[in-house]
Amino acid sequence: MSTPDLIAQLDRWLVELARKWERFFAGDRQVSLPPERERAALERRLQELSRSEGPTASERFRMEQLLHRFSTLNQLWQRMLRDREEARVGAGGARRALNESPPPPVPEEGGEYERVFSSYVDALRKAGRGSPVGFDRFSQALKEQRHQLESRGAIVEGFEVVEEGDNVRVRARVRRGRQE
């Protein structure tokens, strides 16, 4: 493929990638994860192209312009991801204070967390081990896990104890998608 054709193809890929990122930040359910693989693949291709020497000044100019556009968009996407992870509200941020629905209620410690803790302790006893943590630390760990998963856009429906041989662990039941 000739250099001008390759530059044109990479330009189309950049436009398509920018649309995917826009859909991701807009909360489109079909783009529930950031398109990092596509971004990394385009970055690799752009780096390969930048190492080659364009035969004409116009091709070098188009290549530099494409690299600059990608770099600018990449910085924007990374900043918006960081803002989303830190749950910042602001211009261009991923969350909108007025349009954001309240988070689903977190179960009370006396409810689901006690039931899961009881199941966890029973499973550990069956495996011949004692409980390594108390209820307070256990429930705090579940709350932190719930918060981390929900900050990534998952919906935590509850927790369950999983026994795999001698291993006993607690796993979150997660449904992917946006909280409604």
N, C-alpha and C. Protein backbone atom coordinates (compact mmCIF):
# COMPACT_ATOMS: atom_id res chain seq x y z
N MET A 1 0.85 -1.17 0.00
CA MET A 1 0.00 0.00 0.00
C MET A 1 0.90 1.23 0.00
N SER A 2 0.55 2.19 -0.81
CA SER A 2 1.36 3.40 -0.92
C SER A 2 1.18 4.28 0.32
N THR A 3 2.12 5.15 0.56
CA THR A 3 2.08 6.02 1.73
C THR A 3 0.83 6.90 1.76
N PRO A 4 0.43 7.55 0.66
CA PRO A 4 -0.78 8.37 0.72
C PRO A 4 -2.03 7.55 1.05
N ASP A 5 -2.12 6.33 0.53
CA ASP A 5 -3.27 5.46 0.83
C ASP A 5 -3.27 5.04 2.29
N LEU A 6 -2.08 4.73 2.81
CA LEU A 6 -1.96 4.34 4.21
C LEU A 6 -2.33 5.50 5.13
N ILE A 7 -1.90 6.70 4.81
CA ILE A 7 -2.24 7.87 5.63
C ILE A 7 -3.76 8.08 5.60
N ALA A 8 -4.37 7.94 4.44
CA ALA A 8 -5.82 8.11 4.32
C ALA A 8 -6.56 7.04 5.14
N GLN A 9 -6.08 5.79 5.09
CA GLN A 9 -6.71 4.72 5.85
C GLN A 9 -6.60 4.98 7.36
N LEU A 10 -5.42 5.39 7.82
CA LEU A 10 -5.22 5.67 9.24
C LEU A 10 -6.07 6.86 9.68
N ASP A 11 -6.26 7.83 8.80
CA ASP A 11 -7.12 8.97 9.10
C ASP A 11 -8.56 8.49 9.31
N ARG A 12 -9.04 7.59 8.45
CA ARG A 12 -10.39 7.04 8.62
C ARG A 12 -10.50 6.26 9.93
N TRP A 13 -9.47 5.50 10.27
CA TRP A 13 -9.47 4.74 11.53
C TRP A 13 -9.53 5.68 12.72
N LEU A 14 -8.82 6.80 12.64
CA LEU A 14 -8.84 7.77 13.74
C LEU A 14 -10.24 8.36 13.90
N VAL A 15 -10.89 8.68 12.81
CA VAL A 15 -12.26 9.22 12.88
C VAL A 15 -13.20 8.18 13.50
N GLU A 16 -13.07 6.93 13.09
CA GLU A 16 -13.91 5.85 13.63
C GLU A 16 -13.63 5.65 15.13
N LEU A 17 -12.36 5.69 15.50
CA LEU A 17 -11.99 5.53 16.91
C LEU A 17 -12.53 6.68 17.75
N ALA A 18 -12.48 7.89 17.23
CA ALA A 18 -13.02 9.04 17.95
C ALA A 18 -14.52 8.87 18.18
N ARG A 19 -15.22 8.32 17.21
CA ARG A 19 -16.67 8.06 17.38
C ARG A 19 -16.92 7.03 18.47
N LYS A 20 -16.09 5.98 18.51
CA LYS A 20 -16.25 4.96 19.55
C LYS A 20 -16.04 5.55 20.93
N TRP A 21 -15.02 6.40 21.08
CA TRP A 21 -14.77 7.03 22.37
C TRP A 21 -15.94 7.93 22.75
N GLU A 22 -16.47 8.68 21.78
CA GLU A 22 -17.61 9.54 22.07
C GLU A 22 -18.80 8.72 22.54
N ARG A 23 -19.04 7.59 21.88
CA ARG A 23 -20.15 6.72 22.29
C ARG A 23 -19.90 6.16 23.69
N PHE A 24 -18.65 5.78 23.98
CA PHE A 24 -18.33 5.26 25.31
C PHE A 24 -18.61 6.32 26.38
N PHE A 25 -18.14 7.55 26.17
CA PHE A 25 -18.33 8.60 27.16
C PHE A 25 -19.79 9.05 27.25
N ALA A 26 -20.56 8.84 26.19
CA ALA A 26 -21.98 9.20 26.21
C ALA A 26 -22.82 8.13 26.91
N GLY A 27 -22.21 7.00 27.24
CA GLY A 27 -22.93 5.95 27.97
C GLY A 27 -23.64 4.96 27.07
N ASP A 28 -23.23 4.84 25.81
CA ASP A 28 -23.84 3.89 24.88
C ASP A 28 -23.60 2.48 25.41
N ARG A 29 -24.67 1.71 25.54
CA ARG A 29 -24.55 0.35 26.08
C ARG A 29 -23.77 -0.58 25.15
N GLN A 30 -23.72 -0.28 23.87
CA GLN A 30 -22.98 -1.12 22.94
C GLN A 30 -21.47 -0.92 23.06
N VAL A 31 -21.06 0.19 23.65
CA VAL A 31 -19.63 0.47 23.86
C VAL A 31 -19.46 0.65 25.37
N SER A 32 -19.57 -0.47 26.10
CA SER A 32 -19.55 -0.39 27.56
C SER A 32 -18.13 -0.30 28.13
N LEU A 33 -17.13 -0.66 27.33
CA LEU A 33 -15.74 -0.57 27.78
C LEU A 33 -15.00 0.41 26.88
N PRO A 34 -14.00 1.11 27.42
CA PRO A 34 -13.24 2.04 26.58
C PRO A 34 -12.54 1.27 25.46
N PRO A 35 -12.52 1.81 24.24
CA PRO A 35 -11.89 1.11 23.11
C PRO A 35 -10.37 1.21 23.16
N GLU A 36 -9.78 0.68 24.21
CA GLU A 36 -8.33 0.75 24.41
C GLU A 36 -7.56 -0.08 23.39
N ARG A 37 -8.08 -1.26 23.04
CA ARG A 37 -7.36 -2.11 22.09
C ARG A 37 -7.22 -1.42 20.74
N GLU A 38 -8.33 -0.81 20.29
CA GLU A 38 -8.29 -0.12 19.01
C GLU A 38 -7.35 1.08 19.07
N ARG A 39 -7.35 1.78 20.21
CA ARG A 39 -6.46 2.94 20.38
C ARG A 39 -5.01 2.50 20.31
N ALA A 40 -4.69 1.42 21.02
CA ALA A 40 -3.30 0.92 21.03
C ALA A 40 -2.88 0.43 19.65
N ALA A 41 -3.79 -0.23 18.93
CA ALA A 41 -3.46 -0.71 17.58
C ALA A 41 -3.20 0.46 16.64
N LEU A 42 -4.03 1.49 16.72
CA LEU A 42 -3.83 2.66 15.87
C LEU A 42 -2.53 3.37 16.24
N GLU A 43 -2.25 3.43 17.52
CA GLU A 43 -1.00 4.07 17.96
C GLU A 43 0.22 3.33 17.39
N ARG A 44 0.18 2.00 17.43
CA ARG A 44 1.29 1.21 16.86
C ARG A 44 1.46 1.49 15.37
N ARG A 45 0.34 1.50 14.65
CA ARG A 45 0.41 1.75 13.21
C ARG A 45 0.96 3.15 12.92
N LEU A 46 0.53 4.13 13.71
CA LEU A 46 1.02 5.49 13.52
C LEU A 46 2.52 5.58 13.83
N GLN A 47 2.97 4.87 14.84
CA GLN A 47 4.39 4.87 15.15
C GLN A 47 5.21 4.24 14.02
N GLU A 48 4.69 3.14 13.47
CA GLU A 48 5.38 2.50 12.34
C GLU A 48 5.46 3.47 11.16
N LEU A 49 4.36 4.15 10.90
CA LEU A 49 4.34 5.10 9.79
C LEU A 49 5.28 6.27 10.04
N SER A 50 5.36 6.73 11.28
CA SER A 50 6.22 7.88 11.56
C SER A 50 7.70 7.54 11.42
N ARG A 51 8.04 6.27 11.59
CA ARG A 51 9.44 5.86 11.43
C ARG A 51 9.85 5.82 9.97
N SER A 52 8.88 5.60 9.09
CA SER A 52 9.22 5.57 7.66
C SER A 52 9.29 7.00 7.13
N GLU A 53 10.10 7.18 6.16
CA GLU A 53 10.27 8.50 5.56
C GLU A 53 9.28 8.67 4.41
N GLY A 54 8.46 9.71 4.49
CA GLY A 54 7.55 10.00 3.39
C GLY A 54 8.33 10.56 2.22
N PRO A 55 8.02 10.13 1.01
CA PRO A 55 8.79 10.59 -0.14
C PRO A 55 8.60 12.08 -0.44
N THR A 56 7.47 12.63 -0.11
CA THR A 56 7.25 14.04 -0.45
C THR A 56 6.97 14.84 0.80
N ALA A 57 7.16 16.14 0.67
CA ALA A 57 6.90 17.03 1.80
C ALA A 57 5.42 17.03 2.17
N SER A 58 4.53 16.92 1.20
CA SER A 58 3.09 16.92 1.50
C SER A 58 2.70 15.67 2.29
N GLU A 59 3.30 14.52 1.98
CA GLU A 59 3.01 13.30 2.72
C GLU A 59 3.54 13.39 4.15
N ARG A 60 4.73 13.96 4.31
CA ARG A 60 5.27 14.15 5.67
C ARG A 60 4.38 15.09 6.47
N PHE A 61 3.88 16.15 5.81
CA PHE A 61 2.99 17.10 6.47
C PHE A 61 1.69 16.42 6.91
N ARG A 62 1.08 15.62 6.02
CA ARG A 62 -0.16 14.92 6.37
C ARG A 62 0.07 13.93 7.50
N MET A 63 1.24 13.27 7.47
CA MET A 63 1.56 12.31 8.51
C MET A 63 1.72 13.02 9.86
N GLU A 64 2.43 14.13 9.88
CA GLU A 64 2.62 14.89 11.12
C GLU A 64 1.28 15.43 11.64
N GLN A 65 0.44 15.88 10.74
CA GLN A 65 -0.88 16.38 11.12
C GLN A 65 -1.71 15.26 11.75
N LEU A 66 -1.68 14.07 11.18
CA LEU A 66 -2.41 12.92 11.70
C LEU A 66 -1.87 12.53 13.08
N LEU A 67 -0.55 12.51 13.22
CA LEU A 67 0.05 12.19 14.52
C LEU A 67 -0.35 13.21 15.59
N HIS A 68 -0.37 14.46 15.22
CA HIS A 68 -0.75 15.51 16.17
C HIS A 68 -2.23 15.36 16.58
N ARG A 69 -3.11 15.11 15.62
CA ARG A 69 -4.53 14.92 15.94
C ARG A 69 -4.72 13.73 16.87
N PHE A 70 -4.02 12.63 16.58
CA PHE A 70 -4.13 11.45 17.44
C PHE A 70 -3.63 11.77 18.85
N SER A 71 -2.51 12.44 18.94
CA SER A 71 -1.94 12.78 20.25
C SER A 71 -2.90 13.66 21.06
N THR A 72 -3.49 14.65 20.40
CA THR A 72 -4.43 15.54 21.08
C THR A 72 -5.66 14.78 21.56
N LEU A 73 -6.24 13.95 20.67
CA LEU A 73 -7.42 13.17 21.05
C LEU A 73 -7.08 12.18 22.16
N ASN A 74 -5.91 11.56 22.07
CA ASN A 74 -5.51 10.59 23.08
C ASN A 74 -5.39 11.25 24.46
N GLN A 75 -4.82 12.43 24.52
CA GLN A 75 -4.73 13.16 25.79
C GLN A 75 -6.12 13.47 26.33
N LEU A 76 -7.03 13.88 25.45
CA LEU A 76 -8.40 14.17 25.86
C LEU A 76 -9.07 12.92 26.42
N TRP A 77 -8.94 11.80 25.73
CA TRP A 77 -9.57 10.56 26.19
C TRP A 77 -9.02 10.12 27.54
N GLN A 78 -7.70 10.22 27.70
CA GLN A 78 -7.09 9.82 28.98
C GLN A 78 -7.56 10.73 30.12
N ARG A 79 -7.65 12.03 29.85
CA ARG A 79 -8.13 12.96 30.88
C ARG A 79 -9.59 12.66 31.24
N MET A 80 -10.42 12.39 30.23
CA MET A 80 -11.82 12.09 30.50
C MET A 80 -11.98 10.77 31.26
N LEU A 81 -11.14 9.78 30.94
CA LEU A 81 -11.17 8.53 31.70
C LEU A 81 -10.78 8.77 33.16
N ARG A 82 -9.74 9.56 33.36
CA ARG A 82 -9.29 9.88 34.72
C ARG A 82 -10.40 10.61 35.47
N ASP A 83 -11.05 11.58 34.81
CA ASP A 83 -12.15 12.30 35.43
C ASP A 83 -13.28 11.35 35.81
N ARG A 84 -13.58 10.43 34.92
CA ARG A 84 -14.66 9.48 35.18
C ARG A 84 -14.31 8.59 36.37
N GLU A 85 -13.07 8.10 36.41
CA GLU A 85 -12.66 7.24 37.51
C GLU A 85 -12.67 7.98 38.84
N GLU A 86 -12.31 9.26 38.81
CA GLU A 86 -12.30 10.05 40.03
C GLU A 86 -13.66 10.67 40.31
N ALA A 87 -14.61 10.40 39.43
CA ALA A 87 -16.00 10.86 39.56
C ALA A 87 -16.09 12.37 39.66
N ARG A 88 -15.32 13.03 38.83
CA ARG A 88 -15.39 14.49 38.78
C ARG A 88 -16.60 14.91 37.97
N VAL A 89 -17.17 16.03 38.33
CA VAL A 89 -18.26 16.60 37.57
C VAL A 89 -17.75 17.89 36.98
N GLY A 90 -17.97 18.10 35.68
CA GLY A 90 -17.51 19.34 35.08
C GLY A 90 -17.69 19.33 33.59
N ALA A 91 -17.26 20.40 32.97
CA ALA A 91 -17.39 20.53 31.52
C ALA A 91 -16.60 19.43 30.84
N GLY A 92 -17.27 18.70 29.97
CA GLY A 92 -16.60 17.63 29.24
C GLY A 92 -16.39 16.37 30.05
N GLY A 93 -16.74 16.37 31.32
CA GLY A 93 -16.57 15.19 32.15
C GLY A 93 -17.58 14.13 31.80
N ALA A 94 -17.34 12.93 32.28
CA ALA A 94 -18.23 11.83 31.93
C ALA A 94 -19.52 11.85 32.72
N ARG A 95 -19.53 12.43 33.92
CA ARG A 95 -20.74 12.45 34.72
C ARG A 95 -21.39 13.82 34.62
N ARG A 96 -22.67 13.84 34.63
CA ARG A 96 -23.43 15.07 34.62
C ARG A 96 -24.29 15.11 35.87
N ALA A 97 -24.08 16.12 36.70
CA ALA A 97 -24.74 16.18 38.00
C ALA A 97 -26.26 16.18 37.88
N LEU A 98 -26.80 16.86 36.89
CA LEU A 98 -28.24 16.96 36.79
C LEU A 98 -28.89 15.72 36.19
N ASN A 99 -28.19 15.06 35.29
CA ASN A 99 -28.77 13.91 34.60
C ASN A 99 -28.43 12.58 35.27
N GLU A 100 -27.64 12.62 36.29
CA GLU A 100 -27.18 11.39 36.90
C GLU A 100 -28.23 10.85 37.86
N SER A 101 -28.55 9.59 37.70
CA SER A 101 -29.51 8.99 38.62
C SER A 101 -28.78 8.59 39.89
N PRO A 102 -29.48 8.52 41.00
CA PRO A 102 -28.80 8.17 42.25
C PRO A 102 -28.32 6.73 42.19
N PRO A 103 -27.22 6.44 42.90
CA PRO A 103 -26.72 5.06 42.89
C PRO A 103 -27.71 4.14 43.57
N PRO A 104 -27.72 2.85 43.21
CA PRO A 104 -28.63 1.93 43.86
C PRO A 104 -28.29 1.82 45.33
N PRO A 105 -29.27 1.53 46.15
CA PRO A 105 -29.00 1.46 47.59
C PRO A 105 -28.05 0.33 47.92
N VAL A 106 -27.13 0.61 48.81
CA VAL A 106 -26.19 -0.40 49.28
C VAL A 106 -26.87 -1.14 50.42
N PRO A 107 -26.87 -2.47 50.37
CA PRO A 107 -27.55 -3.22 51.43
C PRO A 107 -26.97 -2.89 52.80
N GLU A 108 -27.81 -2.92 53.78
CA GLU A 108 -27.37 -2.66 55.15
C GLU A 108 -26.47 -3.79 55.61
N GLU A 109 -25.57 -3.47 56.53
CA GLU A 109 -24.64 -4.47 57.04
C GLU A 109 -25.37 -5.64 57.66
N GLY A 110 -26.49 -5.40 58.29
CA GLY A 110 -27.23 -6.46 58.96
C GLY A 110 -27.90 -7.40 57.99
N GLY A 111 -28.01 -7.04 56.72
CA GLY A 111 -28.72 -7.85 55.75
C GLY A 111 -27.81 -8.76 54.96
N GLU A 112 -27.55 -8.36 53.74
CA GLU A 112 -26.81 -9.21 52.82
C GLU A 112 -25.39 -9.50 53.31
N TYR A 113 -24.71 -8.50 53.84
CA TYR A 113 -23.32 -8.70 54.26
C TYR A 113 -23.23 -9.72 55.39
N GLU A 114 -24.16 -9.71 56.32
CA GLU A 114 -24.15 -10.70 57.40
C GLU A 114 -24.40 -12.10 56.84
N ARG A 115 -25.34 -12.20 55.91
CA ARG A 115 -25.64 -13.51 55.31
C ARG A 115 -24.41 -14.05 54.58
N VAL A 116 -23.73 -13.20 53.80
CA VAL A 116 -22.55 -13.64 53.06
C VAL A 116 -21.42 -13.99 54.03
N PHE A 117 -21.25 -13.18 55.07
CA PHE A 117 -20.20 -13.46 56.06
C PHE A 117 -20.45 -14.80 56.74
N SER A 118 -21.70 -15.07 57.10
CA SER A 118 -22.05 -16.33 57.74
C SER A 118 -21.74 -17.51 56.81
N SER A 119 -22.10 -17.39 55.53
CA SER A 119 -21.81 -18.44 54.55
C SER A 119 -20.30 -18.62 54.37
N TYR A 120 -19.58 -17.51 54.38
CA TYR A 120 -18.13 -17.54 54.21
C TYR A 120 -17.47 -18.28 55.38
N VAL A 121 -17.88 -17.94 56.59
CA VAL A 121 -17.32 -18.59 57.79
C VAL A 121 -17.65 -20.08 57.79
N ASP A 122 -18.89 -20.44 57.42
CA ASP A 122 -19.27 -21.86 57.36
C ASP A 122 -18.42 -22.61 56.33
N ALA A 123 -18.21 -22.01 55.18
CA ALA A 123 -17.41 -22.66 54.14
C ALA A 123 -15.96 -22.83 54.59
N LEU A 124 -15.43 -21.82 55.30
CA LEU A 124 -14.06 -21.94 55.82
C LEU A 124 -13.97 -23.06 56.85
N ARG A 125 -14.98 -23.19 57.71
CA ARG A 125 -14.98 -24.27 58.72
C ARG A 125 -15.00 -25.64 58.04
N LYS A 126 -15.82 -25.77 56.98
CA LYS A 126 -15.87 -27.04 56.25
C LYS A 126 -14.52 -27.36 55.65
N ALA A 127 -13.79 -26.32 55.23
CA ALA A 127 -12.46 -26.52 54.63
C ALA A 127 -11.39 -26.71 55.69
N GLY A 128 -11.78 -26.63 56.98
CA GLY A 128 -10.83 -26.86 58.07
C GLY A 128 -10.04 -25.63 58.46
N ARG A 129 -10.57 -24.44 58.17
CA ARG A 129 -9.87 -23.20 58.53
C ARG A 129 -10.81 -22.30 59.31
N GLY A 130 -10.22 -21.42 60.08
CA GLY A 130 -10.99 -20.42 60.81
C GLY A 130 -11.14 -19.16 59.99
N SER A 131 -11.96 -18.24 60.46
CA SER A 131 -12.18 -16.98 59.75
C SER A 131 -10.97 -16.07 59.91
N PRO A 132 -10.35 -15.62 58.82
CA PRO A 132 -9.17 -14.77 58.91
C PRO A 132 -9.49 -13.32 59.26
N VAL A 133 -10.75 -12.89 59.10
CA VAL A 133 -11.12 -11.51 59.37
C VAL A 133 -12.42 -11.46 60.16
N GLY A 134 -12.62 -10.33 60.83
CA GLY A 134 -13.88 -10.10 61.52
C GLY A 134 -14.92 -9.53 60.58
N PHE A 135 -16.15 -9.42 61.08
CA PHE A 135 -17.24 -8.95 60.24
C PHE A 135 -17.02 -7.52 59.75
N ASP A 136 -16.48 -6.64 60.60
CA ASP A 136 -16.29 -5.24 60.19
C ASP A 136 -15.34 -5.14 59.00
N ARG A 137 -14.21 -5.81 59.06
CA ARG A 137 -13.26 -5.75 57.94
C ARG A 137 -13.84 -6.43 56.70
N PHE A 138 -14.57 -7.53 56.91
CA PHE A 138 -15.19 -8.25 55.80
C PHE A 138 -16.20 -7.36 55.08
N SER A 139 -17.09 -6.73 55.83
CA SER A 139 -18.12 -5.88 55.20
C SER A 139 -17.48 -4.67 54.54
N GLN A 140 -16.42 -4.12 55.13
CA GLN A 140 -15.73 -2.98 54.52
C GLN A 140 -15.11 -3.39 53.18
N ALA A 141 -14.53 -4.59 53.13
CA ALA A 141 -13.94 -5.08 51.88
C ALA A 141 -15.01 -5.25 50.81
N LEU A 142 -16.19 -5.75 51.18
CA LEU A 142 -17.28 -5.91 50.22
C LEU A 142 -17.77 -4.55 49.74
N LYS A 143 -17.86 -3.58 50.62
CA LYS A 143 -18.28 -2.23 50.23
C LYS A 143 -17.29 -1.63 49.24
N GLU A 144 -16.00 -1.80 49.50
CA GLU A 144 -14.97 -1.27 48.60
C GLU A 144 -15.03 -1.96 47.24
N GLN A 145 -15.23 -3.28 47.24
CA GLN A 145 -15.33 -4.01 45.98
C GLN A 145 -16.56 -3.53 45.20
N ARG A 146 -17.68 -3.35 45.89
CA ARG A 146 -18.90 -2.86 45.23
C ARG A 146 -18.64 -1.48 44.62
N HIS A 147 -18.00 -0.60 45.37
CA HIS A 147 -17.72 0.76 44.87
C HIS A 147 -16.83 0.73 43.64
N GLN A 148 -15.77 -0.09 43.67
CA GLN A 148 -14.86 -0.19 42.52
C GLN A 148 -15.58 -0.69 41.28
N LEU A 149 -16.40 -1.72 41.43
CA LEU A 149 -17.11 -2.27 40.28
C LEU A 149 -18.13 -1.27 39.73
N GLU A 150 -18.84 -0.59 40.61
CA GLU A 150 -19.85 0.36 40.15
C GLU A 150 -19.22 1.59 39.52
N SER A 151 -18.02 1.96 39.95
CA SER A 151 -17.34 3.10 39.33
C SER A 151 -16.92 2.78 37.90
N ARG A 152 -16.83 1.49 37.57
CA ARG A 152 -16.50 1.06 36.20
C ARG A 152 -17.75 0.84 35.36
N GLY A 153 -18.92 1.10 35.94
CA GLY A 153 -20.15 0.98 35.17
C GLY A 153 -20.89 -0.33 35.36
N ALA A 154 -20.41 -1.22 36.22
CA ALA A 154 -21.09 -2.49 36.45
C ALA A 154 -22.20 -2.30 37.48
N ILE A 155 -23.16 -3.20 37.46
CA ILE A 155 -24.24 -3.18 38.44
C ILE A 155 -24.04 -4.41 39.32
N VAL A 156 -23.78 -4.19 40.61
CA VAL A 156 -23.55 -5.27 41.55
C VAL A 156 -24.89 -5.70 42.11
N GLU A 157 -25.26 -6.95 41.82
CA GLU A 157 -26.54 -7.47 42.27
C GLU A 157 -26.44 -8.15 43.63
N GLY A 158 -25.24 -8.48 44.06
CA GLY A 158 -25.05 -9.11 45.36
C GLY A 158 -23.71 -9.82 45.39
N PHE A 159 -23.51 -10.61 46.45
CA PHE A 159 -22.28 -11.36 46.62
C PHE A 159 -22.62 -12.81 46.92
N GLU A 160 -21.69 -13.70 46.58
CA GLU A 160 -21.89 -15.12 46.85
C GLU A 160 -20.56 -15.75 47.25
N VAL A 161 -20.66 -16.80 48.04
CA VAL A 161 -19.47 -17.54 48.48
C VAL A 161 -19.23 -18.66 47.48
N VAL A 162 -17.98 -18.75 47.01
CA VAL A 162 -17.62 -19.76 46.02
C VAL A 162 -16.55 -20.66 46.62
N GLU A 163 -16.81 -21.97 46.55
CA GLU A 163 -15.85 -22.96 47.06
C GLU A 163 -15.26 -23.69 45.86
N GLU A 164 -13.94 -23.60 45.72
CA GLU A 164 -13.23 -24.29 44.64
C GLU A 164 -12.12 -25.12 45.28
N GLY A 165 -12.42 -26.39 45.50
CA GLY A 165 -11.46 -27.25 46.19
C GLY A 165 -11.29 -26.77 47.63
N ASP A 166 -10.05 -26.45 48.01
CA ASP A 166 -9.78 -25.95 49.36
C ASP A 166 -9.92 -24.43 49.43
N ASN A 167 -10.07 -23.78 48.30
CA ASN A 167 -10.18 -22.32 48.28
C ASN A 167 -11.62 -21.89 48.51
N VAL A 168 -11.77 -20.88 49.35
CA VAL A 168 -13.07 -20.29 49.61
C VAL A 168 -12.92 -18.80 49.37
N ARG A 169 -13.80 -18.25 48.53
CA ARG A 169 -13.72 -16.82 48.26
C ARG A 169 -15.12 -16.27 48.07
N VAL A 170 -15.19 -14.96 48.14
CA VAL A 170 -16.45 -14.26 47.94
C VAL A 170 -16.38 -13.58 46.58
N ARG A 171 -17.43 -13.74 45.79
CA ARG A 171 -17.46 -13.19 44.44
C ARG A 171 -18.70 -12.31 44.29
N ALA A 172 -18.52 -11.20 43.61
CA ALA A 172 -19.64 -10.30 43.33
C ALA A 172 -20.43 -10.84 42.15
N ARG A 173 -21.76 -10.79 42.26
CA ARG A 173 -22.62 -11.09 41.12
C ARG A 173 -22.83 -9.77 40.39
N VAL A 174 -22.30 -9.71 39.16
CA VAL A 174 -22.25 -8.44 38.43
C VAL A 174 -23.03 -8.56 37.14
N ARG A 175 -23.75 -7.49 36.84
CA ARG A 175 -24.41 -7.35 35.55
C ARG A 175 -23.79 -6.15 34.88
N ARG A 176 -23.33 -6.32 33.65
CA ARG A 176 -22.70 -5.21 32.93
C ARG A 176 -23.75 -4.25 32.44
N GLY A 177 -23.37 -3.00 32.36
CA GLY A 177 -24.28 -1.99 31.83
C GLY A 177 -24.32 -0.78 32.74
N ARG A 178 -25.05 0.18 32.35
CA ARG A 178 -25.17 1.43 33.11
C ARG A 178 -26.23 1.29 34.18
N GLN A 179 -25.98 1.94 35.29
CA GLN A 179 -26.98 1.99 36.34
C GLN A 179 -28.12 2.87 35.88
N GLU A 180 -29.34 2.42 36.12
CA GLU A 180 -30.49 3.18 35.64
C GLU A 180 -31.14 3.97 36.75
